[in-house]
C-alpha atoms as a PDB file:
ATOM      1  CA  MET A   1      78.270 -92.895  22.652  1.00  0.00           C
ATOM      2  CA  SER A   2      77.194 -90.270  19.529  1.00  0.00           C
ATOM      3  CA  GLU A   3      75.945 -92.011  16.185  1.00  0.00           C
ATOM      4  CA  PRO A   4      78.908 -92.135  13.039  1.00  0.00           C
ATOM      5  CA  ARG A   5      78.586 -90.704  10.720  1.00  0.00           C
ATOM      6  CA  LYS A   6      77.083 -92.070   7.767  1.00  0.00           C
ATOM      7  CA  ALA A   7      78.503 -92.119   3.435  1.00  0.00           C
ATOM      8  CA  VAL A   8      77.686 -92.508   0.893  1.00  0.00           C
ATOM      9  CA  ALA A   9      80.227 -94.327  -1.512  1.00  0.00           C
ATOM     10  CA  LEU A  10      79.661 -94.768  -5.419  1.00  0.00           C
ATOM     11  CA  ILE A  11      80.841 -97.948  -6.322  1.00  0.00           C
ATOM     12  CA  SER A  12      81.072 -98.888  -9.679  1.00  0.00           C
ATOM     13  CA  GLY A  13      82.419-102.377  -9.522  1.00  0.00           C
ATOM     14  CA  GLY A  14      85.784-102.044  -9.839  1.00  0.00           C
ATOM     15  CA  LEU A  15      88.870-102.129  -7.408  1.00  0.00           C
ATOM     16  CA  ASP A  16      88.867 -98.015  -7.031  1.00  0.00           C
ATOM     17  CA  SER A  17      85.463 -97.972  -5.842  1.00  0.00           C
ATOM     18  CA  MET A  18      86.056-101.106  -3.923  1.00  0.00           C
ATOM     19  CA  LEU A  19      89.295 -99.371  -1.551  1.00  0.00           C
ATOM     20  CA  ALA A  20      87.714 -96.073  -1.217  1.00  0.00           C
ATOM     21  CA  ALA A  21      84.475 -97.679   0.728  1.00  0.00           C
ATOM     22  CA  ARG A  22      86.711 -99.689   2.877  1.00  0.00           C
ATOM     23  CA  ILE A  23      89.364 -96.910   3.733  1.00  0.00           C
ATOM     24  CA  VAL A  24      86.226 -94.983   5.281  1.00  0.00           C
ATOM     25  CA  GLN A  25      84.867 -98.321   6.909  1.00  0.00           C
ATOM     26  CA  GLU A  26      87.972 -98.970   8.717  1.00  0.00           C
ATOM     27  CA  GLN A  27      87.466 -95.210  10.275  1.00  0.00           C
ATOM     28  CA  GLY A  28      84.226 -96.808  12.209  1.00  0.00           C
ATOM     29  CA  VAL A  29      81.857 -94.577   9.194  1.00  0.00           C
ATOM     30  CA  HIS A  30      78.468 -96.037   8.105  1.00  0.00           C
ATOM     31  CA  VAL A  31      79.125 -96.662   4.191  1.00  0.00           C
ATOM     32  CA  GLU A  32      76.051 -97.829   2.031  1.00  0.00           C
ATOM     33  CA  GLY A  33      77.055 -97.824  -1.634  1.00  0.00           C
ATOM     34  CA  ILE A  34      74.905 -96.428  -4.641  1.00  0.00           C
ATOM     35  CA  ASN A  35      74.915 -97.827  -7.761  1.00  0.00           C
ATOM     36  CA  PHE A  36      73.447 -95.756 -11.027  1.00  0.00           C
ATOM     37  CA  PHE A  37      71.842 -97.581 -13.799  1.00  0.00           C
ATOM     38  CA  THR A  38      72.412 -95.969 -16.718  1.00  0.00           C
ATOM     39  CA  GLY A  39      72.145 -98.896 -19.437  1.00  0.00           C
ATOM     40  CA  PHE A  40      75.621 -98.373 -20.821  1.00  0.00           C
ATOM     41  CA  CYS A  41      77.186-100.715 -18.497  1.00  0.00           C
ATOM     42  CA  VAL A  42      75.471-103.993 -18.526  1.00  0.00           C
ATOM     43  CA  GLU A  43      78.181-106.297 -17.075  1.00  0.00           C
ATOM     44  CA  GLY A  44      77.645-109.915 -17.971  1.00  0.00           C
ATOM     45  CA  HIS A  45      75.072-109.624 -20.711  1.00  0.00           C
ATOM     46  CA  THR A  46      76.585-110.952 -23.637  1.00  0.00           C
ATOM     47  CA  HIS A  47      78.872-112.884 -21.871  1.00  0.00           C
ATOM     48  CA  ALA A  48      75.859-114.979 -20.701  1.00  0.00           C
ATOM     49  CA  ILE A  49      74.269-114.121 -24.375  1.00  0.00           C
ATOM     50  CA  ARG A  50      76.982-115.964 -26.593  1.00  0.00           C
ATOM     51  CA  LYS A  51      78.427-119.009 -26.386  1.00  0.00           C
ATOM     52  CA  ARG A  52      82.682-118.753 -26.172  1.00  0.00           C
ATOM     53  CA  ASP A  53      82.227-116.388 -23.241  1.00  0.00           C
ATOM     54  CA  ARG A  54      80.184-119.123 -21.373  1.00  0.00           C
ATOM     55  CA  GLY A  55      82.907-119.692 -19.162  1.00  0.00           C
ATOM     56  CA  ARG A  56      83.479-115.754 -18.378  1.00  0.00           C
ATOM     57  CA  PRO A  57      82.258-114.130 -14.457  1.00  0.00           C
ATOM     58  CA  LYS A  58      78.878-113.062 -15.351  1.00  0.00           C
ATOM     59  CA  ARG A  59      78.457-111.622 -12.194  1.00  0.00           C
ATOM     60  CA  ASN A  60      77.264-108.331 -11.411  1.00  0.00           C
ATOM     61  CA  ASN A  61      80.233-106.308 -10.446  1.00  0.00           C
ATOM     62  CA  ALA A  62      78.917-103.529  -7.398  1.00  0.00           C
ATOM     63  CA  LEU A  63      76.860-106.102  -6.134  1.00  0.00           C
ATOM     64  CA  TRP A  64      79.640-108.259  -5.519  1.00  0.00           C
ATOM     65  CA  VAL A  65      81.903-105.478  -4.186  1.00  0.00           C
ATOM     66  CA  ALA A  66      79.246-104.476  -1.464  1.00  0.00           C
ATOM     67  CA  GLU A  67      79.042-108.472  -0.893  1.00  0.00           C
ATOM     68  CA  GLN A  68      82.904-107.754  -0.121  1.00  0.00           C
ATOM     69  CA  LEU A  69      82.025-104.917   1.833  1.00  0.00           C
ATOM     70  CA  GLY A  70      79.536-106.289   3.826  1.00  0.00           C
ATOM     71  CA  ILE A  71      77.205-103.380   2.750  1.00  0.00           C
ATOM     72  CA  LYS A  72      74.376-102.368   1.143  1.00  0.00           C
ATOM     73  CA  LEU A  73      74.210-101.196  -1.996  1.00  0.00           C
ATOM     74  CA  HIS A  74      71.618 -98.978  -3.802  1.00  0.00           C
ATOM     75  CA  ILE A  75      71.050 -99.807  -7.512  1.00  0.00           C
ATOM     76  CA  VAL A  76      69.221 -96.377  -8.741  1.00  0.00           C
ATOM     77  CA  ASP A  77      67.514 -96.597 -12.400  1.00  0.00           C
ATOM     78  CA  VAL A  78      68.951 -93.333 -14.426  1.00  0.00           C
ATOM     79  CA  VAL A  79      68.432 -94.071 -17.922  1.00  0.00           C
ATOM     80  CA  GLU A  80      65.818 -91.121 -18.497  1.00  0.00           C
ATOM     81  CA  PRO A  81      67.615 -88.376 -16.858  1.00  0.00           C
ATOM     82  CA  TYR A  82      70.684 -89.655 -17.931  1.00  0.00           C
ATOM     83  CA  LYS A  83      69.666 -89.188 -21.787  1.00  0.00           C
ATOM     84  CA  ASP A  84      70.756 -85.657 -21.616  1.00  0.00           C
ATOM     85  CA  VAL A  85      74.313 -86.098 -20.082  1.00  0.00           C
ATOM     86  CA  VAL A  86      74.908 -88.267 -23.687  1.00  0.00           C
ATOM     87  CA  LEU A  87      72.855 -86.515 -25.954  1.00  0.00           C
ATOM     88  CA  ASN A  88      73.797 -82.922 -24.451  1.00  0.00           C
ATOM     89  CA  PRO A  89      77.474 -83.086 -23.232  1.00  0.00           C
ATOM     90  CA  ARG A  90      78.107 -79.602 -21.545  1.00  0.00           C
ATOM     91  CA  HIS A  91      82.271 -80.154 -21.497  1.00  0.00           C
ATOM     92  CA  GLY A  92      82.037 -82.477 -24.434  1.00  0.00           C
ATOM     93  CA  TYR A  93      82.622 -86.480 -25.400  1.00  0.00           C
ATOM     94  CA  GLY A  94      86.435 -88.292 -24.743  1.00  0.00           C
ATOM     95  CA  ALA A  95      87.436 -90.172 -27.504  1.00  0.00           C
ATOM     96  CA  ASN A  96      84.510 -91.226 -28.839  1.00  0.00           C
ATOM     97  CA  LEU A  97      80.573 -91.104 -27.650  1.00  0.00           C
ATOM     98  CA  ASN A  98      81.961 -91.134 -23.785  1.00  0.00           C
ATOM     99  CA  PRO A  99      81.112 -87.896 -21.497  1.00  0.00           C
ATOM    100  CA  CYS A 100      83.025 -88.998 -18.753  1.00  0.00           C
ATOM    101  CA  LEU A 101      83.333 -85.317 -17.323  1.00  0.00           C
ATOM    102  CA  ASP A 102      79.485 -84.959 -17.643  1.00  0.00           C
ATOM    103  CA  CYS A 103      79.029 -88.019 -16.556  1.00  0.00           C
ATOM    104  CA  LYS A 104      80.401 -87.974 -12.885  1.00  0.00           C
ATOM    105  CA  ILE A 105      79.208 -84.610 -12.577  1.00  0.00           C
ATOM    106  CA  PHE A 106      75.244 -86.008 -12.906  1.00  0.00           C
ATOM    107  CA  MET A 107      76.929 -89.055 -10.867  1.00  0.00           C
ATOM    108  CA  VAL A 108      77.711 -86.906  -7.871  1.00  0.00           C
ATOM    109  CA  SER A 109      75.039 -84.806  -8.361  1.00  0.00           C
ATOM    110  CA  LYS A 110      72.625 -87.812  -8.059  1.00  0.00           C
ATOM    111  CA  ALA A 111      74.434 -89.500  -5.182  1.00  0.00           C
ATOM    112  CA  LEU A 112      74.226 -85.572  -2.983  1.00  0.00           C
ATOM    113  CA  GLU A 113      70.231 -85.752  -3.980  1.00  0.00           C
ATOM    114  CA  TRP A 114      69.864 -89.287  -2.130  1.00  0.00           C
ATOM    115  CA  MET A 115      72.865 -88.399   0.818  1.00  0.00           C
ATOM    116  CA  ARG A 116      70.058 -85.690   1.413  1.00  0.00           C
ATOM    117  CA  ASP A 117      67.291 -87.693   1.274  1.00  0.00           C
ATOM    118  CA  HIS A 118      68.038 -90.301   3.414  1.00  0.00           C
ATOM    119  CA  GLY A 119      70.425 -88.060   6.167  1.00  0.00           C
ATOM    120  CA  PHE A 120      73.724 -88.988   5.145  1.00  0.00           C
ATOM    121  CA  ASP A 121      76.657 -86.771   5.910  1.00  0.00           C
ATOM    122  CA  PHE A 122      78.873 -87.258   2.976  1.00  0.00           C
ATOM    123  CA  ILE A 123      79.723 -88.708  -0.819  1.00  0.00           C
ATOM    124  CA  VAL A 124      82.490 -91.241  -1.210  1.00  0.00           C
ATOM    125  CA  THR A 125      84.207 -92.021  -4.793  1.00  0.00           C
ATOM    126  CA  GLY A 126      87.329 -93.686  -5.845  1.00  0.00           C
ATOM    127  CA  GLU A 127      88.506 -91.134  -8.377  1.00  0.00           C
ATOM    128  CA  VAL A 128      92.684 -90.511  -8.509  1.00  0.00           C
ATOM    129  CA  VAL A 129      94.040 -87.966  -9.589  1.00  0.00           C
ATOM    130  CA  GLY A 130      95.765 -88.279 -13.214  1.00  0.00           C
ATOM    131  CA  GLN A 131      93.938 -91.388 -13.606  1.00  0.00           C
ATOM    132  CA  ARG A 132      91.055 -90.544 -16.458  1.00  0.00           C
ATOM    133  CA  PRO A 133      91.891 -88.040 -19.362  1.00  0.00           C
ATOM    134  CA  MET A 134      88.554 -86.275 -18.886  1.00  0.00           C
ATOM    135  CA  SER A 135      87.481 -86.655 -15.386  1.00  0.00           C
ATOM    136  CA  GLN A 136      90.139 -87.434 -13.392  1.00  0.00           C
ATOM    137  CA  ARG A 137      92.739 -84.052 -14.150  1.00  0.00           C
ATOM    138  CA  ARG A 138      93.950 -82.281 -10.975  1.00  0.00           C
ATOM    139  CA  ASP A 139      91.731 -79.303 -13.079  1.00  0.00           C
ATOM    140  CA  THR A 140      88.278 -81.354 -13.327  1.00  0.00           C
ATOM    141  CA  MET A 141      88.328 -82.468 -10.025  1.00  0.00           C
ATOM    142  CA  PRO A 142      87.044 -78.699  -8.620  1.00  0.00           C
ATOM    143  CA  VAL A 143      84.639 -78.730 -11.631  1.00  0.00           C
ATOM    144  CA  VAL A 144      83.011 -82.159 -10.404  1.00  0.00           C
ATOM    145  CA  ALA A 145      82.471 -81.148  -6.478  1.00  0.00           C
ATOM    146  CA  ARG A 146      81.318 -77.260  -7.699  1.00  0.00           C
ATOM    147  CA  GLU A 147      78.927 -78.643 -10.762  1.00  0.00           C
ATOM    148  CA  SER A 148      77.653 -81.721  -8.825  1.00  0.00           C
ATOM    149  CA  GLY A 149      76.825 -79.456  -5.797  1.00  0.00           C
ATOM    150  CA  ALA A 150      78.487 -81.634  -3.219  1.00  0.00           C
ATOM    151  CA  GLU A 151      81.313 -78.928  -2.806  1.00  0.00           C
ATOM    152  CA  ASP A 152      83.624 -79.668   0.043  1.00  0.00           C
ATOM    153  CA  LEU A 153      81.494 -83.283   1.094  1.00  0.00           C
ATOM    154  CA  LEU A 154      82.728 -84.873  -1.478  1.00  0.00           C
ATOM    155  CA  LEU A 155      85.873 -87.109  -0.227  1.00  0.00           C
ATOM    156  CA  ARG A 156      88.245 -89.114  -2.552  1.00  0.00           C
ATOM    157  CA  PRO A 157      89.802 -91.265   0.150  1.00  0.00           C
ATOM    158  CA  LEU A 158      92.285 -92.850  -2.708  1.00  0.00           C
ATOM    159  CA  CYS A 159      93.715 -89.316  -3.099  1.00  0.00           C
ATOM    160  CA  ALA A 160      92.224 -87.105  -0.902  1.00  0.00           C
ATOM    161  CA  LYS A 161      96.379 -85.956   0.309  1.00  0.00           C
ATOM    162  CA  ASN A 162      96.788 -84.259  -2.830  1.00  0.00           C
ATOM    163  CA  LEU A 163      93.556 -82.203  -2.706  1.00  0.00           C
ATOM    164  CA  PRO A 164      92.677 -79.515  -0.041  1.00  0.00           C
ATOM    165  CA  PRO A 165      91.155 -80.733   2.829  1.00  0.00           C
ATOM    166  CA  THR A 166      86.975 -81.749   2.656  1.00  0.00           C
ATOM    167  CA  ARG A 167      84.825 -80.821   5.230  1.00  0.00           C
ATOM    168  CA  PRO A 168      85.284 -84.982   6.423  1.00  0.00           C
ATOM    169  CA  GLU A 169      88.692 -84.057   7.162  1.00  0.00           C
ATOM    170  CA  ARG A 170      88.371 -80.773   8.559  1.00  0.00           C
ATOM    171  CA  GLU A 171      85.410 -82.038  11.146  1.00  0.00           C
ATOM    172  CA  GLY A 172      87.370 -85.083  12.316  1.00  0.00           C
ATOM    173  CA  TRP A 173      84.704 -87.538  10.751  1.00  0.00           C
ATOM    174  CA  VAL A 174      87.745 -89.078   8.989  1.00  0.00           C
ATOM    175  CA  ASP A 175      91.430 -89.049   9.530  1.00  0.00           C
ATOM    176  CA  ARG A 176      92.773 -87.254   6.643  1.00  0.00           C
ATOM    177  CA  ASP A 177      96.172 -88.961   7.793  1.00  0.00           C
ATOM    178  CA  ARG A 178      94.563 -92.384   6.852  1.00  0.00           C
ATOM    179  CA  LEU A 179      93.764 -91.820   3.353  1.00  0.00           C
ATOM    180  CA  TYR A 180      95.960 -91.447   0.804  1.00  0.00           C
ATOM    181  CA  ALA A 181      97.907 -89.640  -2.228  1.00  0.00           C
ATOM    182  CA  ILE A 182      97.998 -92.011  -5.214  1.00  0.00           C
ATOM    183  CA  SER A 183      97.955 -90.030  -8.867  1.00  0.00           C
ATOM    184  CA  GLY A 184      98.400 -91.257 -12.470  1.00  0.00           C
ATOM    185  CA  ARG A 185      97.126 -94.576 -14.288  1.00  0.00           C
ATOM    186  CA  SER A 186      99.254 -96.908 -12.376  1.00  0.00           C
ATOM    187  CA  ARG A 187      96.879 -99.324 -10.191  1.00  0.00           C
ATOM    188  CA  LYS A 188     100.042-100.779  -8.312  1.00  0.00           C
ATOM    189  CA  VAL A 189      99.509 -99.006  -4.985  1.00  0.00           C
ATOM    190  CA  GLN A 190      96.149 -99.883  -5.484  1.00  0.00           C
ATOM    191  CA  GLN A 191      96.659-103.729  -5.808  1.00  0.00           C
ATOM    192  CA  GLU A 192      99.467-103.365  -2.533  1.00  0.00           C
ATOM    193  CA  LEU A 193      96.019-101.817  -0.766  1.00  0.00           C
ATOM    194  CA  ALA A 194      94.377-104.258  -2.152  1.00  0.00           C
ATOM    195  CA  ARG A 195      96.606-106.793  -0.379  1.00  0.00           C
ATOM    196  CA  ARG A 196      96.605-105.180   3.195  1.00  0.00           C
ATOM    197  CA  PHE A 197      93.092-105.223   3.240  1.00  0.00           C
ATOM    198  CA  GLY A 198      93.073-108.896   2.226  1.00  0.00           C
ATOM    199  CA  ILE A 199      90.635-108.453  -0.617  1.00  0.00           C
ATOM    200  CA  THR A 200      92.305-111.014  -3.169  1.00  0.00           C
ATOM    201  CA  ASP A 201      89.575-110.636  -6.226  1.00  0.00           C
ATOM    202  CA  TYR A 202      88.357-108.115  -7.671  1.00  0.00           C
ATOM    203  CA  ALA A 203      87.559-106.926 -10.978  1.00  0.00           C
ATOM    204  CA  GLN A 204      90.338-105.824 -14.011  1.00  0.00           C
ATOM    205  CA  PRO A 205      91.705-102.947 -11.940  1.00  0.00           C
ATOM    206  CA  ALA A 206      92.101-100.839 -15.872  1.00  0.00           C
ATOM    207  CA  GLY A 207      89.015-102.263 -16.905  1.00  0.00           C
ATOM    208  CA  GLY A 208      85.566-100.574 -16.651  1.00  0.00           C
ATOM    209  CA  CYS A 209      82.263-101.415 -18.128  1.00  0.00           C
ATOM    210  CA  CYS A 210      80.826 -98.671 -20.040  1.00  0.00           C
ATOM    211  CA  PHE A 211      80.067 -99.256 -23.797  1.00  0.00           C
ATOM    212  CA  LEU A 212      80.397 -95.499 -24.464  1.00  0.00           C
ATOM    213  CA  THR A 213      84.401 -96.174 -24.634  1.00  0.00           C
ATOM    214  CA  ASP A 214      84.339 -98.323 -27.045  1.00  0.00           C
ATOM    215  CA  ALA A 215      84.841 -97.648 -30.656  1.00  0.00           C
ATOM    216  CA  ASN A 216      82.756 -99.934 -32.504  1.00  0.00           C
ATOM    217  CA  TYR A 217      79.916 -99.429 -29.979  1.00  0.00           C
ATOM    218  CA  SER A 218      80.193 -95.670 -30.158  1.00  0.00           C
ATOM    219  CA  ALA A 219      79.933 -96.393 -34.349  1.00  0.00           C
ATOM    220  CA  LYS A 220      76.848 -98.440 -34.404  1.00  0.00           C
ATOM    221  CA  LEU A 221      75.411 -95.131 -31.593  1.00  0.00           C
ATOM    222  CA  ARG A 222      76.212 -92.461 -34.238  1.00  0.00           C
ATOM    223  CA  ASP A 223      74.630 -94.661 -36.758  1.00  0.00           C
ATOM    224  CA  LEU A 224      71.427 -94.860 -34.406  1.00  0.00           C
ATOM    225  CA  TRP A 225      71.517 -91.458 -34.064  1.00  0.00           C
ATOM    226  CA  ALA A 226      71.340 -90.277 -37.803  1.00  0.00           C
ATOM    227  CA  HIS A 227      68.836 -92.205 -38.156  1.00  0.00           C
ATOM    228  CA  ARG A 228      66.256 -91.305 -35.384  1.00  0.00           C
ATOM    229  CA  PRO A 229      64.519 -88.026 -35.350  1.00  0.00           C
ATOM    230  CA  GLY A 230      65.786 -86.140 -32.098  1.00  0.00           C
ATOM    231  CA  ARG A 231      68.694 -88.926 -31.388  1.00  0.00           C
ATOM    232  CA  ARG A 232      66.055 -90.779 -29.387  1.00  0.00           C
ATOM    233  CA  TYR A 233      66.853 -93.871 -28.079  1.00  0.00           C
ATOM    234  CA  GLU A 234      65.527 -96.416 -25.555  1.00  0.00           C
ATOM    235  CA  LEU A 235      67.120 -99.279 -23.301  1.00  0.00           C
ATOM    236  CA  ASP A 236      66.462-102.390 -26.394  1.00  0.00           C
ATOM    237  CA  ASP A 237      68.168-100.623 -28.803  1.00  0.00           C
ATOM    238  CA  LEU A 238      70.973 -99.947 -26.317  1.00  0.00           C
ATOM    239  CA  MET A 239      70.700-103.848 -25.621  1.00  0.00           C
ATOM    240  CA  LEU A 240      70.494-104.638 -29.581  1.00  0.00           C
ATOM    241  CA  LEU A 241      73.960-102.576 -30.228  1.00  0.00           C
ATOM    242  CA  LYS A 242      75.616-105.088 -28.373  1.00  0.00           C
ATOM    243  CA  VAL A 243      74.469-107.993 -30.696  1.00  0.00           C
ATOM    244  CA  GLY A 244      75.169-109.378 -33.808  1.00  0.00           C
ATOM    245  CA  ARG A 245      76.553-107.870 -36.980  1.00  0.00           C
ATOM    246  CA  HIS A 246      75.083-105.066 -37.913  1.00  0.00           C
ATOM    247  CA  LEU A 247      74.960-103.857 -41.824  1.00  0.00           C
ATOM    248  CA  ARG A 248      73.333-100.543 -43.256  1.00  0.00           C
ATOM    249  CA  PRO A 249      73.235-101.987 -46.968  1.00  0.00           C
ATOM    250  CA  ARG A 250      70.621 -99.136 -47.558  1.00  0.00           C
ATOM    251  CA  PRO A 251      70.117 -95.159 -45.921  1.00  0.00           C
ATOM    252  CA  HIS A 252      66.232 -96.708 -44.816  1.00  0.00           C
ATOM    253  CA  PHE A 253      67.030 -99.543 -42.793  1.00  0.00           C
ATOM    254  CA  LYS A 254      69.881-101.972 -40.984  1.00  0.00           C
ATOM    255  CA  LEU A 255      70.310-104.988 -40.021  1.00  0.00           C
ATOM    256  CA  ILE A 256      71.149-107.100 -37.256  1.00  0.00           C
ATOM    257  CA  VAL A 257      72.346-110.374 -38.183  1.00  0.00           C
ATOM    258  CA  SER A 258      73.171-112.934 -35.570  1.00  0.00           C
ATOM    259  CA  ARG A 259      76.754-114.833 -35.776  1.00  0.00           C
ATOM    260  CA  GLU A 260      75.978-117.702 -33.050  1.00  0.00           C
ATOM    261  CA  GLU A 261      73.267-120.129 -31.225  1.00  0.00           C
ATOM    262  CA  GLY A 262      73.293-117.846 -28.459  1.00  0.00           C
ATOM    263  CA  GLU A 263      72.508-114.078 -30.239  1.00  0.00           C
ATOM    264  CA  THR A 264      70.157-115.723 -32.353  1.00  0.00           C
ATOM    265  CA  ARG A 265      68.188-117.106 -29.152  1.00  0.00           C
ATOM    266  CA  PHE A 266      68.262-113.533 -27.658  1.00  0.00           C
ATOM    267  CA  LEU A 267      67.222-111.895 -30.871  1.00  0.00           C
ATOM    268  CA  GLU A 268      63.735-114.412 -30.944  1.00  0.00           C
ATOM    269  CA  GLY A 269      62.619-111.787 -28.400  1.00  0.00           C
ATOM    270  CA  TYR A 270      62.724-109.010 -30.850  1.00  0.00           C
ATOM    271  CA  ARG A 271      60.854-110.815 -33.804  1.00  0.00           C
ATOM    272  CA  LYS A 272      57.596-109.602 -33.250  1.00  0.00           C
ATOM    273  CA  ARG A 273      59.255-105.837 -33.478  1.00  0.00           C
ATOM    274  CA  PHE A 274      60.865-106.478 -35.793  1.00  0.00           C
ATOM    275  CA  ALA A 275      60.613-107.445 -39.725  1.00  0.00           C
ATOM    276  CA  HIS A 276      62.854-110.688 -39.605  1.00  0.00           C
ATOM    277  CA  VAL A 277      64.173-112.904 -42.034  1.00  0.00           C
ATOM    278  CA  ARG A 278      65.885-116.856 -40.862  1.00  0.00           C
ATOM    279  CA  THR A 279      67.828-119.451 -43.056  1.00  0.00           C
ATOM    280  CA  VAL A 280      65.034-122.982 -43.860  1.00  0.00           C
ATOM    281  CA  SER A 281      67.156-124.539 -45.856  1.00  0.00           C
ATOM    282  CA  HIS A 282      70.469-124.598 -44.002  1.00  0.00           C
ATOM    283  CA  PRO A 283      71.503-123.488 -40.796  1.00  0.00           C
ATOM    284  CA  GLY A 284      71.726-120.151 -40.589  1.00  0.00           C
ATOM    285  CA  PRO A 285      71.264-116.404 -38.826  1.00  0.00           C
ATOM    286  CA  LEU A 286      68.456-114.696 -37.721  1.00  0.00           C
ATOM    287  CA  THR A 287      68.240-111.565 -38.959  1.00  0.00           C
ATOM    288  CA  LEU A 288      66.131-108.288 -37.601  1.00  0.00           C
ATOM    289  CA  ILE A 289      65.560-105.731 -39.610  1.00  0.00           C
ATOM    290  CA  GLU A 290      65.245-102.218 -38.627  1.00  0.00           C
ATOM    291  CA  GLY A 291      63.424 -99.301 -40.978  1.00  0.00           C
ATOM    292  CA  GLU A 292      60.336 -98.392 -42.232  1.00  0.00           C
ATOM    293  CA  GLY A 293      58.543 -98.529 -45.741  1.00  0.00           C
ATOM    294  CA  LEU A 294      60.565-101.908 -46.977  1.00  0.00           C
ATOM    295  CA  SER A 295      60.184-102.650 -50.305  1.00  0.00           C
ATOM    296  CA  GLU A 296      59.838-105.814 -51.597  1.00  0.00           C
ATOM    297  CA  GLU A 297      63.646-105.241 -52.916  1.00  0.00           C
ATOM    298  CA  ASP A 298      64.355-104.306 -49.589  1.00  0.00           C
ATOM    299  CA  LEU A 299      63.762-107.586 -47.801  1.00  0.00           C
ATOM    300  CA  ALA A 300      65.408-110.192 -50.743  1.00  0.00           C
ATOM    301  CA  LEU A 301      68.457-108.376 -50.328  1.00  0.00           C
ATOM    302  CA  ALA A 302      68.049-109.016 -46.459  1.00  0.00           C
ATOM    303  CA  ALA A 303      67.637-112.518 -47.239  1.00  0.00           C
ATOM    304  CA  ARG A 304      70.589-112.785 -49.340  1.00  0.00           C
ATOM    305  CA  ILE A 305      72.719-111.283 -46.775  1.00  0.00           C
ATOM    306  CA  THR A 306      71.354-113.519 -44.460  1.00  0.00           C
ATOM    307  CA  ALA A 307      71.937-116.236 -46.769  1.00  0.00           C
ATOM    308  CA  ARG A 308      74.931-115.568 -47.452  1.00  0.00           C
ATOM    309  CA  TYR A 309      75.888-116.087 -43.580  1.00  0.00           C
ATOM    310  CA  SER A 310      74.229-119.740 -42.994  1.00  0.00           C
ATOM    311  CA  GLN A 311      75.097-122.997 -44.683  1.00  0.00           C
ATOM    312  CA  GLY A 312      74.406-122.836 -47.674  1.00  0.00           C
ATOM    313  CA  ARG A 313      76.204-119.682 -48.812  1.00  0.00           C
ATOM    314  CA  GLY A 314      78.034-121.803 -51.352  1.00  0.00           C
ATOM    315  CA  ALA A 315      75.183-123.303 -52.672  1.00  0.00           C
ATOM    316  CA  PRO A 316      72.918-122.181 -55.367  1.00  0.00           C
ATOM    317  CA  GLY A 317      69.385-121.182 -53.540  1.00  0.00           C
ATOM    318  CA  VAL A 318      68.966-121.096 -49.961  1.00  0.00           C
ATOM    319  CA  GLU A 319      65.738-121.412 -48.810  1.00  0.00           C
ATOM    320  CA  VAL A 320      63.905-118.663 -46.223  1.00  0.00           C
ATOM    321  CA  GLU A 321      61.138-117.270 -44.168  1.00  0.00           C
ATOM    322  CA  ALA A 322      60.722-113.864 -43.960  1.00  0.00           C
ATOM    323  CA  ALA A 323      58.048-112.060 -42.179  1.00  0.00           C
ATOM    324  CA  LEU A 324      57.257-107.769 -41.840  1.00  0.00           C
ATOM    325  CA  PRO A 325      55.882-106.676 -38.818  1.00  0.00           C
ATOM    326  CA  GLY A 326      52.157-108.066 -37.878  1.00  0.00           C
ATOM    327  CA  GLN A 327      52.426-110.156 -40.970  1.00  0.00           C
ATOM    328  CA  ALA A 328      52.116-114.059 -41.338  1.00  0.00           C
ATOM    329  CA  PRO A 329      56.119-115.172 -42.775  1.00  0.00           C
ATOM    330  CA  ARG A 330      56.006-116.289 -45.929  1.00  0.00           C
ATOM    331  CA  ARG A 331      59.025-118.481 -47.402  1.00  0.00           C
ATOM    332  CA  PHE A 332      61.164-118.087 -50.826  1.00  0.00           C
ATOM    333  CA  THR A 333      64.656-118.812 -52.639  1.00  0.00           C
ATOM    334  CA  VAL A 334      67.310-116.345 -52.753  1.00  0.00           C
ATOM    335  CA  THR A 335      71.189-116.372 -54.108  1.00  0.00           C
ATOM    336  CA  PRO A 336      73.502-115.832 -51.577  1.00  0.00           C
ATOM    337  CA  LEU A 337      75.441-112.878 -52.257  1.00  0.00           C
ATOM    338  CA  SER A 338      79.098-114.042 -52.154  1.00  0.00           C
ATOM    339  CA  PRO A 339      80.982-111.382 -49.419  1.00  0.00           C
ATOM    340  CA  GLU A 340      82.724-109.361 -52.269  1.00  0.00           C
ATOM    341  CA  ALA A 341      78.762-108.052 -52.712  1.00  0.00           C
ATOM    342  CA  ILE A 342      79.227-106.868 -49.339  1.00  0.00           C
ATOM    343  CA  PRO A 343      81.053-104.009 -49.343  1.00  0.00           C
ATOM    344  CA  ARG A 344      82.607-102.692 -46.366  1.00  0.00           C
ATOM    345  CA  ALA A 345      80.843 -99.202 -46.034  1.00  0.00           C
ATOM    346  CA  TRP A 346      77.056-101.134 -45.355  1.00  0.00           C
ATOM    347  CA  TYR A 347      79.206-102.782 -41.849  1.00  0.00           C
ATOM    348  CA  LEU A 348      78.997-100.592 -38.492  1.00  0.00           C
END
């Protein structure tokens, strides 16, 4: 007997990619998963930090899906090469800063590289015609196949019957009759298919973990780029954008104010890298100050904002501890700002 064909499946952790891999598995194809770490999809990060979210699942859904399917999952760090996709998308952004079409082209091209390097035969994705407004339209699906270089080695089992036959179908590596013709944004067919496969637990069907689709996160990222030469960013920047209140009271500095105990503990890990303020006389937040050329007036303003979010917000004075990077902390007393004294425009 000949060796079974081998497919690498893009596993996002959602239901569609899980079903696509299972459909191909059911036809005797050896499937392994691949998940690309861009820095913009870190499941469970906020849930693990914030006290109110501690009851929510903290699993990595891609790893969990691979376990349910009984396949290997290869997690590939693409943080650095992905920066060009985010900063310079040829096909533009979606509603926020999501470069969905360029992202899909990038992911499939990287999967193609991996496929060739490891002797696999074709690529599987969970795409569905008409499901996403940028990357999963009938007119953009050929663009993904062409510009990624995958061409007809890209199989989309959930909607294959809506598209021209790919090489895996023409060569008989998979049976086209056992593939599907799903289209549109409804997930009812996928949910029914999951029941048929005995899959009862899966991530929110209509969900997604990409922060770039979130308006609030995108606003904070735009602000970061506006104040960084060359719009440069690092992974720590992406993590910090998810935590705390972000305020820019002056063009040359920004504050990240923790909202609860879990966020305070997380921000503690960054104290040596940033100027920071904490309240001493009353329980309160830790505030990181991101910026350069900070004056005494800037530090005092940051301290007054920090005091406003402490339990001493109504007191005539709050003692704080403040420090610049590399310097010993010092203590002084400030009057908390009133809510009316903090313009809405400062909040990111």
